[in-house]
Amino acid sequence: MSSYLLVSWTLGILLALMTVLFILRIVLTWYPQVDLNQLPFNLVAWPTEPFLIPLRKVIPSFGGVDITPILWVGIITLIREILLGQQGILTLIARG
């Protein structure tokens, strides 16, 4: 197994996991009464919060709705496509 294939596989799993966590975070924003410091909700909140804090400083909420998790899903999807898509950088290097 080449190192590019191993990196691609690991990175693909990591980006997919982060996408799922941000989608779960979007669902949790629909329930403001949920305490994000208690299990199982903190398993979603703790890994995603460090990404959301800086983006919240730049992009305010619209009408009380926090859109930063939605933006992170888009950013992660774009990064995944650039690196691992059919014409992605790591895909082309691995074929090389």
PDB file of N, CA and C in Angstrom:
ATOM      1  N   MET A   1       0.856  -1.175   0.000  1.00  0.00           N
ATOM      2  CA  MET A   1       0.000   0.000   0.000  1.00  0.00           C
ATOM      3  C   MET A   1       0.902   1.238   0.000  1.00  0.00           C
ATOM      4  N   SER A   2       0.681   2.103  -0.962  1.00  0.00           N
ATOM      5  CA  SER A   2       1.506   3.292  -1.049  1.00  0.00           C
ATOM      6  C   SER A   2       1.134   4.288   0.043  1.00  0.00           C
ATOM      7  N   SER A   3       2.068   5.164   0.343  1.00  0.00           N
ATOM      8  CA  SER A   3       1.816   6.149   1.406  1.00  0.00           C
ATOM      9  C   SER A   3       0.706   7.119   0.998  1.00  0.00           C
ATOM     10  N   TYR A   4       0.605   7.436  -0.310  1.00  0.00           N
ATOM     11  CA  TYR A   4      -0.466   8.328  -0.767  1.00  0.00           C
ATOM     12  C   TYR A   4      -1.828   7.689  -0.558  1.00  0.00           C
ATOM     13  N   LEU A   5      -1.911   6.397  -0.812  1.00  0.00           N
ATOM     14  CA  LEU A   5      -3.180   5.691  -0.623  1.00  0.00           C
ATOM     15  C   LEU A   5      -3.559   5.657   0.856  1.00  0.00           C
ATOM     16  N   LEU A   6      -2.573   5.430   1.717  1.00  0.00           N
ATOM     17  CA  LEU A   6      -2.827   5.410   3.154  1.00  0.00           C
ATOM     18  C   LEU A   6      -3.265   6.785   3.652  1.00  0.00           C
ATOM     19  N   VAL A   7      -2.604   7.840   3.196  1.00  0.00           N
ATOM     20  CA  VAL A   7      -2.973   9.207   3.577  1.00  0.00           C
ATOM     21  C   VAL A   7      -4.365   9.535   3.053  1.00  0.00           C
ATOM     22  N   SER A   8      -4.652   9.162   1.818  1.00  0.00           N
ATOM     23  CA  SER A   8      -5.967   9.430   1.230  1.00  0.00           C
ATOM     24  C   SER A   8      -7.066   8.721   2.005  1.00  0.00           C
ATOM     25  N   TRP A   9      -6.825   7.485   2.349  1.00  0.00           N
ATOM     26  CA  TRP A   9      -7.825   6.707   3.070  1.00  0.00           C
ATOM     27  C   TRP A   9      -8.075   7.296   4.455  1.00  0.00           C
ATOM     28  N   THR A  10      -6.997   7.616   5.174  1.00  0.00           N
ATOM     29  CA  THR A  10      -7.113   8.191   6.515  1.00  0.00           C
ATOM     30  C   THR A  10      -7.784   9.558   6.468  1.00  0.00           C
ATOM     31  N   LEU A  11      -7.360  10.386   5.534  1.00  0.00           N
ATOM     32  CA  LEU A  11      -7.938  11.716   5.396  1.00  0.00           C
ATOM     33  C   LEU A  11      -9.416  11.643   5.011  1.00  0.00           C
ATOM     34  N   GLY A  12      -9.760  10.688   4.162  1.00  0.00           N
ATOM     35  CA  GLY A  12     -11.155  10.502   3.769  1.00  0.00           C
ATOM     36  C   GLY A  12     -12.034  10.147   4.957  1.00  0.00           C
ATOM     37  N   ILE A  13     -11.550   9.258   5.813  1.00  0.00           N
ATOM     38  CA  ILE A  13     -12.308   8.876   6.998  1.00  0.00           C
ATOM     39  C   ILE A  13     -12.436  10.055   7.952  1.00  0.00           C
ATOM     40  N   LEU A  14     -11.346  10.788   8.169  1.00  0.00           N
ATOM     41  CA  LEU A  14     -11.375  11.939   9.071  1.00  0.00           C
ATOM     42  C   LEU A  14     -12.341  13.020   8.577  1.00  0.00           C
ATOM     43  N   LEU A  15     -12.297  13.327   7.283  1.00  0.00           N
ATOM     44  CA  LEU A  15     -13.192  14.349   6.741  1.00  0.00           C
ATOM     45  C   LEU A  15     -14.650  13.893   6.763  1.00  0.00           C
ATOM     46  N   ALA A  16     -14.891  12.615   6.517  1.00  0.00           N
ATOM     47  CA  ALA A  16     -16.258  12.093   6.585  1.00  0.00           C
ATOM     48  C   ALA A  16     -16.783  12.149   8.023  1.00  0.00           C
ATOM     49  N   LEU A  17     -15.935  11.815   8.988  1.00  0.00           N
ATOM     50  CA  LEU A  17     -16.330  11.883  10.391  1.00  0.00           C
ATOM     51  C   LEU A  17     -16.656  13.316  10.806  1.00  0.00           C
ATOM     52  N   MET A  18     -15.825  14.269  10.382  1.00  0.00           N
ATOM     53  CA  MET A  18     -16.086  15.666  10.717  1.00  0.00           C
ATOM     54  C   MET A  18     -17.377  16.157  10.055  1.00  0.00           C
ATOM     55  N   THR A  19     -17.632  15.719   8.842  1.00  0.00           N
ATOM     56  CA  THR A  19     -18.874  16.101   8.165  1.00  0.00           C
ATOM     57  C   THR A  19     -20.080  15.596   8.946  1.00  0.00           C
ATOM     58  N   VAL A  20     -20.025  14.343   9.374  1.00  0.00           N
ATOM     59  CA  VAL A  20     -21.129  13.772  10.151  1.00  0.00           C
ATOM     60  C   VAL A  20     -21.304  14.521  11.467  1.00  0.00           C
ATOM     61  N   LEU A  21     -20.196  14.854  12.138  1.00  0.00           N
ATOM     62  CA  LEU A  21     -20.288  15.591  13.405  1.00  0.00           C
ATOM     63  C   LEU A  21     -20.909  16.969  13.204  1.00  0.00           C
ATOM     64  N   PHE A  22     -20.544  17.652  12.118  1.00  0.00           N
ATOM     65  CA  PHE A  22     -21.134  18.970  11.870  1.00  0.00           C
ATOM     66  C   PHE A  22     -22.608  18.854  11.481  1.00  0.00           C
ATOM     67  N   ILE A  23     -22.982  17.814  10.780  1.00  0.00           N
ATOM     68  CA  ILE A  23     -24.405  17.617  10.458  1.00  0.00           C
ATOM     69  C   ILE A  23     -25.193  17.340  11.743  1.00  0.00           C
ATOM     70  N   LEU A  24     -24.630  16.543  12.636  1.00  0.00           N
ATOM     71  CA  LEU A  24     -25.291  16.319  13.928  1.00  0.00           C
ATOM     72  C   LEU A  24     -25.359  17.617  14.728  1.00  0.00           C
ATOM     73  N   ARG A  25     -24.332  18.447  14.607  1.00  0.00           N
ATOM     74  CA  ARG A  25     -24.334  19.740  15.298  1.00  0.00           C
ATOM     75  C   ARG A  25     -25.450  20.637  14.746  1.00  0.00           C
ATOM     76  N   ILE A  26     -25.674  20.571  13.431  1.00  0.00           N
ATOM     77  CA  ILE A  26     -26.775  21.332  12.823  1.00  0.00           C
ATOM     78  C   ILE A  26     -28.101  20.874  13.411  1.00  0.00           C
ATOM     79  N   VAL A  27     -28.279  19.566  13.526  1.00  0.00           N
ATOM     80  CA  VAL A  27     -29.522  19.034  14.099  1.00  0.00           C
ATOM     81  C   VAL A  27     -29.668  19.476  15.554  1.00  0.00           C
ATOM     82  N   LEU A  28     -28.576  19.496  16.301  1.00  0.00           N
ATOM     83  CA  LEU A  28     -28.647  19.913  17.703  1.00  0.00           C
ATOM     84  C   LEU A  28     -29.008  21.388  17.850  1.00  0.00           C
ATOM     85  N   THR A  29     -28.718  22.212  16.848  1.00  0.00           N
ATOM     86  CA  THR A  29     -29.103  23.624  16.941  1.00  0.00           C
ATOM     87  C   THR A  29     -30.618  23.790  16.864  1.00  0.00           C
ATOM     88  N   TRP A  30     -31.321  22.786  16.389  1.00  0.00           N
ATOM     89  CA  TRP A  30     -32.780  22.854  16.335  1.00  0.00           C
ATOM     90  C   TRP A  30     -33.392  22.680  17.719  1.00  0.00           C
ATOM     91  N   TYR A  31     -32.604  22.184  18.659  1.00  0.00           N
ATOM     92  CA  TYR A  31     -33.085  21.922  20.020  1.00  0.00           C
ATOM     93  C   TYR A  31     -32.250  22.739  21.017  1.00  0.00           C
ATOM     94  N   PRO A  32     -32.612  23.988  21.226  1.00  0.00           N
ATOM     95  CA  PRO A  32     -31.794  24.846  22.106  1.00  0.00           C
ATOM     96  C   PRO A  32     -31.804  24.411  23.577  1.00  0.00           C
ATOM     97  N   GLN A  33     -32.754  23.587  23.985  1.00  0.00           N
ATOM     98  CA  GLN A  33     -32.817  23.157  25.369  1.00  0.00           C
ATOM     99  C   GLN A  33     -31.798  22.060  25.677  1.00  0.00           C
ATOM    100  N   VAL A  34     -31.138  21.519  24.653  1.00  0.00           N
ATOM    101  CA  VAL A  34     -30.165  20.446  24.858  1.00  0.00           C
ATOM    102  C   VAL A  34     -28.906  21.013  25.510  1.00  0.00           C
ATOM    103  N   ASP A  35     -28.430  20.339  26.566  1.00  0.00           N
ATOM    104  CA  ASP A  35     -27.197  20.734  27.248  1.00  0.00           C
ATOM    105  C   ASP A  35     -26.025  20.054  26.547  1.00  0.00           C
ATOM    106  N   LEU A  36     -25.200  20.840  25.866  1.00  0.00           N
ATOM    107  CA  LEU A  36     -24.090  20.298  25.087  1.00  0.00           C
ATOM    108  C   LEU A  36     -22.927  19.829  25.953  1.00  0.00           C
ATOM    109  N   ASN A  37     -23.021  20.001  27.266  1.00  0.00           N
ATOM    110  CA  ASN A  37     -21.967  19.538  28.159  1.00  0.00           C
ATOM    111  C   ASN A  37     -22.264  18.184  28.778  1.00  0.00           C
ATOM    112  N   GLN A  38     -23.367  17.553  28.379  1.00  0.00           N
ATOM    113  CA  GLN A  38     -23.720  16.242  28.903  1.00  0.00           C
ATOM    114  C   GLN A  38     -23.655  15.209  27.793  1.00  0.00           C
ATOM    115  N   LEU A  39     -23.344  13.973  28.204  1.00  0.00           N
ATOM    116  CA  LEU A  39     -23.336  12.870  27.250  1.00  0.00           C
ATOM    117  C   LEU A  39     -24.728  12.654  26.706  1.00  0.00           C
ATOM    118  N   PRO A  40     -24.923  12.251  25.517  1.00  0.00           N
ATOM    119  CA  PRO A  40     -23.998  12.017  24.414  1.00  0.00           C
ATOM    120  C   PRO A  40     -23.734  13.269  23.577  1.00  0.00           C
ATOM    121  N   PHE A  41     -24.342  14.374  23.949  1.00  0.00           N
ATOM    122  CA  PHE A  41     -24.253  15.581  23.129  1.00  0.00           C
ATOM    123  C   PHE A  41     -22.854  16.183  23.126  1.00  0.00           C
ATOM    124  N   ASN A  42     -22.111  15.996  24.214  1.00  0.00           N
ATOM    125  CA  ASN A  42     -20.766  16.556  24.246  1.00  0.00           C
ATOM    126  C   ASN A  42     -19.823  15.833  23.287  1.00  0.00           C
ATOM    127  N   LEU A  43     -20.163  14.614  22.880  1.00  0.00           N
ATOM    128  CA  LEU A  43     -19.353  13.905  21.883  1.00  0.00           C
ATOM    129  C   LEU A  43     -19.425  14.577  20.518  1.00  0.00           C
ATOM    130  N   VAL A  44     -20.488  15.336  20.305  1.00  0.00           N
ATOM    131  CA  VAL A  44     -20.637  16.110  19.076  1.00  0.00           C
ATOM    132  C   VAL A  44     -20.104  17.530  19.270  1.00  0.00           C
ATOM    133  N   ALA A  45     -20.349  18.097  20.437  1.00  0.00           N
ATOM    134  CA  ALA A  45     -20.003  19.501  20.672  1.00  0.00           C
ATOM    135  C   ALA A  45     -18.507  19.720  20.833  1.00  0.00           C
ATOM    136  N   TRP A  46     -17.825  18.879  21.605  1.00  0.00           N
ATOM    137  CA  TRP A  46     -16.414  19.128  21.902  1.00  0.00           C
ATOM    138  C   TRP A  46     -15.517  19.107  20.666  1.00  0.00           C
ATOM    139  N   PRO A  47     -15.654  18.163  19.735  1.00  0.00           N
ATOM    140  CA  PRO A  47     -14.763  18.212  18.563  1.00  0.00           C
ATOM    141  C   PRO A  47     -15.103  19.333  17.571  1.00  0.00           C
ATOM    142  N   THR A  48     -16.343  19.796  17.564  1.00  0.00           N
ATOM    143  CA  THR A  48     -16.737  20.800  16.580  1.00  0.00           C
ATOM    144  C   THR A  48     -16.598  22.230  17.072  1.00  0.00           C
ATOM    145  N   GLU A  49     -16.684  22.440  18.366  1.00  0.00           N
ATOM    146  CA  GLU A  49     -16.668  23.800  18.915  1.00  0.00           C
ATOM    147  C   GLU A  49     -15.391  24.585  18.576  1.00  0.00           C
ATOM    148  N   PRO A  50     -14.188  23.979  18.610  1.00  0.00           N
ATOM    149  CA  PRO A  50     -12.994  24.762  18.244  1.00  0.00           C
ATOM    150  C   PRO A  50     -13.031  25.293  16.808  1.00  0.00           C
ATOM    151  N   PHE A  51     -13.748  24.645  15.926  1.00  0.00           N
ATOM    152  CA  PHE A  51     -13.887  25.123  14.553  1.00  0.00           C
ATOM    153  C   PHE A  51     -14.933  26.229  14.455  1.00  0.00           C
ATOM    154  N   LEU A  52     -15.962  26.138  15.285  1.00  0.00           N
ATOM    155  CA  LEU A  52     -17.073  27.078  15.198  1.00  0.00           C
ATOM    156  C   LEU A  52     -16.760  28.434  15.832  1.00  0.00           C
ATOM    157  N   ILE A  53     -15.992  28.456  16.894  1.00  0.00           N
ATOM    158  CA  ILE A  53     -15.730  29.706  17.625  1.00  0.00           C
ATOM    159  C   ILE A  53     -15.110  30.785  16.734  1.00  0.00           C
ATOM    160  N   PRO A  54     -14.025  30.507  15.988  1.00  0.00           N
ATOM    161  CA  PRO A  54     -13.447  31.584  15.157  1.00  0.00           C
ATOM    162  C   PRO A  54     -14.383  32.048  14.051  1.00  0.00           C
ATOM    163  N   LEU A  55     -15.149  31.122  13.479  1.00  0.00           N
ATOM    164  CA  LEU A  55     -16.057  31.492  12.394  1.00  0.00           C
ATOM    165  C   LEU A  55     -17.231  32.311  12.910  1.00  0.00           C
ATOM    166  N   ARG A  56     -17.652  32.063  14.147  1.00  0.00           N
ATOM    167  CA  ARG A  56     -18.733  32.862  14.746  1.00  0.00           C
ATOM    168  C   ARG A  56     -18.318  34.315  14.956  1.00  0.00           C
ATOM    169  N   LYS A  57     -17.018  34.546  15.168  1.00  0.00           N
ATOM    170  CA  LYS A  57     -16.527  35.921  15.343  1.00  0.00           C
ATOM    171  C   LYS A  57     -16.593  36.698  14.029  1.00  0.00           C
ATOM    172  N   VAL A  58     -16.498  35.986  12.910  1.00  0.00           N
ATOM    173  CA  VAL A  58     -16.515  36.621  11.591  1.00  0.00           C
ATOM    174  C   VAL A  58     -17.934  36.727  11.040  1.00  0.00           C
ATOM    175  N   ILE A  59     -18.723  35.675  11.230  1.00  0.00           N
ATOM    176  CA  ILE A  59     -20.071  35.614  10.658  1.00  0.00           C
ATOM    177  C   ILE A  59     -21.090  35.591  11.790  1.00  0.00           C
ATOM    178  N   PRO A  60     -21.866  36.645  11.930  1.00  0.00           N
ATOM    179  CA  PRO A  60     -22.876  36.664  13.002  1.00  0.00           C
ATOM    180  C   PRO A  60     -24.055  35.764  12.645  1.00  0.00           C
ATOM    181  N   SER A  61     -24.833  35.433  13.658  1.00  0.00           N
ATOM    182  CA  SER A  61     -26.027  34.628  13.408  1.00  0.00           C
ATOM    183  C   SER A  61     -27.084  35.495  12.720  1.00  0.00           C
ATOM    184  N   PHE A  62     -27.867  34.857  11.873  1.00  0.00           N
ATOM    185  CA  PHE A  62     -28.925  35.545  11.142  1.00  0.00           C
ATOM    186  C   PHE A  62     -30.255  35.239  11.801  1.00  0.00           C
ATOM    187  N   GLY A  63     -30.866  36.238  12.405  1.00  0.00           N
ATOM    188  CA  GLY A  63     -32.154  36.053  13.063  1.00  0.00           C
ATOM    189  C   GLY A  63     -32.097  35.053  14.197  1.00  0.00           C
ATOM    190  N   GLY A  64     -30.964  34.980  14.864  1.00  0.00           N
ATOM    191  CA  GLY A  64     -30.809  34.036  15.958  1.00  0.00           C
ATOM    192  C   GLY A  64     -30.428  32.633  15.521  1.00  0.00           C
ATOM    193  N   VAL A  65     -30.190  32.428  14.232  1.00  0.00           N
ATOM    194  CA  VAL A  65     -29.831  31.114  13.715  1.00  0.00           C
ATOM    195  C   VAL A  65     -28.332  31.081  13.433  1.00  0.00           C
ATOM    196  N   ASP A  66     -27.633  30.143  14.049  1.00  0.00           N
ATOM    197  CA  ASP A  66     -26.197  29.981  13.866  1.00  0.00           C
ATOM    198  C   ASP A  66     -25.955  29.168  12.595  1.00  0.00           C
ATOM    199  N   ILE A  67     -25.363  29.794  11.591  1.00  0.00           N
ATOM    200  CA  ILE A  67     -25.149  29.102  10.319  1.00  0.00           C
ATOM    201  C   ILE A  67     -23.728  28.568  10.176  1.00  0.00           C
ATOM    202  N   THR A  68     -22.885  28.759  11.185  1.00  0.00           N
ATOM    203  CA  THR A  68     -21.500  28.322  11.065  1.00  0.00           C
ATOM    204  C   THR A  68     -21.338  26.807  10.877  1.00  0.00           C
ATOM    205  N   PRO A  69     -22.148  25.943  11.502  1.00  0.00           N
ATOM    206  CA  PRO A  69     -21.989  24.514  11.196  1.00  0.00           C
ATOM    207  C   PRO A  69     -22.298  24.193   9.732  1.00  0.00           C
ATOM    208  N   ILE A  70     -23.245  24.908   9.153  1.00  0.00           N
ATOM    209  CA  ILE A  70     -23.571  24.695   7.743  1.00  0.00           C
ATOM    210  C   ILE A  70     -22.395  25.088   6.864  1.00  0.00           C
ATOM    211  N   LEU A  71     -21.753  26.201   7.214  1.00  0.00           N
ATOM    212  CA  LEU A  71     -20.583  26.637   6.454  1.00  0.00           C
ATOM    213  C   LEU A  71     -19.441  25.633   6.570  1.00  0.00           C
ATOM    214  N   TRP A  72     -19.257  25.067   7.747  1.00  0.00           N
ATOM    215  CA  TRP A  72     -18.188  24.079   7.913  1.00  0.00           C
ATOM    216  C   TRP A  72     -18.455  22.799   7.125  1.00  0.00           C
ATOM    217  N   VAL A  73     -19.704  22.399   7.002  1.00  0.00           N
ATOM    218  CA  VAL A  73     -20.010  21.241   6.148  1.00  0.00           C
ATOM    219  C   VAL A  73     -19.591  21.551   4.714  1.00  0.00           C
ATOM    220  N   GLY A  74     -19.881  22.762   4.248  1.00  0.00           N
ATOM    221  CA  GLY A  74     -19.472  23.159   2.900  1.00  0.00           C
ATOM    222  C   GLY A  74     -17.962  23.223   2.748  1.00  0.00           C
ATOM    223  N   ILE A  75     -17.270  23.758   3.737  1.00  0.00           N
ATOM    224  CA  ILE A  75     -15.812  23.867   3.678  1.00  0.00           C
ATOM    225  C   ILE A  75     -15.165  22.486   3.657  1.00  0.00           C
ATOM    226  N   ILE A  76     -15.624  21.606   4.514  1.00  0.00           N
ATOM    227  CA  ILE A  76     -15.054  20.251   4.570  1.00  0.00           C
ATOM    228  C   ILE A  76     -15.342  19.491   3.280  1.00  0.00           C
ATOM    229  N   THR A  77     -16.536  19.660   2.738  1.00  0.00           N
ATOM    230  CA  THR A  77     -16.871  19.001   1.479  1.00  0.00           C
ATOM    231  C   THR A  77     -15.981  19.512   0.351  1.00  0.00           C
ATOM    232  N   LEU A  78     -15.737  20.812   0.321  1.00  0.00           N
ATOM    233  CA  LEU A  78     -14.849  21.390  -0.691  1.00  0.00           C
ATOM    234  C   LEU A  78     -13.428  20.863  -0.535  1.00  0.00           C
ATOM    235  N   ILE A  79     -12.916  20.819   0.684  1.00  0.00           N
ATOM    236  CA  ILE A  79     -11.569  20.293   0.921  1.00  0.00           C
ATOM    237  C   ILE A  79     -11.475  18.832   0.501  1.00  0.00           C
ATOM    238  N   ARG A  80     -12.503  18.058   0.832  1.00  0.00           N
ATOM    239  CA  ARG A  80     -12.506  16.640   0.461  1.00  0.00           C
ATOM    240  C   ARG A  80     -12.492  16.475  -1.057  1.00  0.00           C
ATOM    241  N   GLU A  81     -13.261  17.286  -1.754  1.00  0.00           N
ATOM    242  CA  GLU A  81     -13.307  17.192  -3.211  1.00  0.00           C
ATOM    243  C   GLU A  81     -11.976  17.618  -3.836  1.00  0.00           C
ATOM    244  N   ILE A  82     -11.372  18.678  -3.301  1.00  0.00           N
ATOM    245  CA  ILE A  82     -10.096  19.153  -3.845  1.00  0.00           C
ATOM    246  C   ILE A  82      -8.988  18.121  -3.632  1.00  0.00           C
ATOM    247  N   LEU A  83      -8.994  17.472  -2.485  1.00  0.00           N
ATOM    248  CA  LEU A  83      -7.927  16.521  -2.181  1.00  0.00           C
ATOM    249  C   LEU A  83      -8.214  15.104  -2.650  1.00  0.00           C
ATOM    250  N   LEU A  84      -9.455  14.646  -2.509  1.00  0.00           N
ATOM    251  CA  LEU A  84      -9.753  13.229  -2.700  1.00  0.00           C
ATOM    252  C   LEU A  84     -10.749  12.926  -3.811  1.00  0.00           C
ATOM    253  N   GLY A  85     -11.271  13.941  -4.475  1.00  0.00           N
ATOM    254  CA  GLY A  85     -12.247  13.713  -5.539  1.00  0.00           C
ATOM    255  C   GLY A  85     -11.624  13.014  -6.742  1.00  0.00           C
ATOM    256  N   GLN A  86     -12.403  12.796  -7.791  1.00  0.00           N
ATOM    257  CA  GLN A  86     -11.897  12.117  -8.985  1.00  0.00           C
ATOM    258  C   GLN A  86     -10.707  12.831  -9.602  1.00  0.00           C
ATOM    259  N   GLN A  87     -10.716  14.153  -9.556  1.00  0.00           N
ATOM    260  CA  GLN A  87      -9.600  14.941 -10.059  1.00  0.00           C
ATOM    261  C   GLN A  87      -8.843  15.600  -8.909  1.00  0.00           C
ATOM    262  N   GLY A  88      -8.946  15.038  -7.720  1.00  0.00           N
ATOM    263  CA  GLY A  88      -8.314  15.600  -6.538  1.00  0.00           C
ATOM    264  C   GLY A  88      -6.807  15.463  -6.565  1.00  0.00           C
ATOM    265  N   ILE A  89      -6.155  16.284  -5.800  1.00  0.00           N
ATOM    266  CA  ILE A  89      -4.692  16.306  -5.781  1.00  0.00           C
ATOM    267  C   ILE A  89      -4.102  14.971  -5.358  1.00  0.00           C
ATOM    268  N   LEU A  90      -4.557  14.432  -4.254  1.00  0.00           N
ATOM    269  CA  LEU A  90      -4.006  13.160  -3.789  1.00  0.00           C
ATOM    270  C   LEU A  90      -4.398  11.996  -4.699  1.00  0.00           C
ATOM    271  N   THR A  91      -5.553  12.062  -5.299  1.00  0.00           N
ATOM    272  CA  THR A  91      -5.978  11.029  -6.233  1.00  0.00           C
ATOM    273  C   THR A  91      -5.075  11.023  -7.461  1.00  0.00           C
ATOM    274  N   LEU A  92      -4.778  12.184  -7.991  1.00  0.00           N
ATOM    275  CA  LEU A  92      -3.918  12.265  -9.163  1.00  0.00           C
ATOM    276  C   LEU A  92      -2.490  11.850  -8.849  1.00  0.00           C
ATOM    277  N   ILE A  93      -2.002  12.192  -7.655  1.00  0.00           N
ATOM    278  CA  ILE A  93      -0.649  11.790  -7.257  1.00  0.00           C
ATOM    279  C   ILE A  93      -0.576  10.276  -7.098  1.00  0.00           C
ATOM    280  N   ALA A  94      -1.615   9.677  -6.506  1.00  0.00           N
ATOM    281  CA  ALA A  94      -1.633   8.237  -6.301  1.00  0.00           C
ATOM    282  C   ALA A  94      -1.675   7.487  -7.637  1.00  0.00           C
ATOM    283  N   ARG A  95      -2.361   8.054  -8.615  1.00  0.00           N
ATOM    284  CA  ARG A  95      -2.413   7.418  -9.945  1.00  0.00           C
ATOM    285  C   ARG A  95      -1.095   7.551 -10.685  1.00  0.00           C
ATOM    286  N   GLY A  96      -0.418   8.700 -10.406  1.00  0.00           N
ATOM    287  CA  GLY A  96       0.785   9.162 -11.046  1.00  0.00           C
ATOM    288  C   GLY A  96       1.696   8.196 -11.621  1.00  0.00           C
TER     289      GLY A  96
END
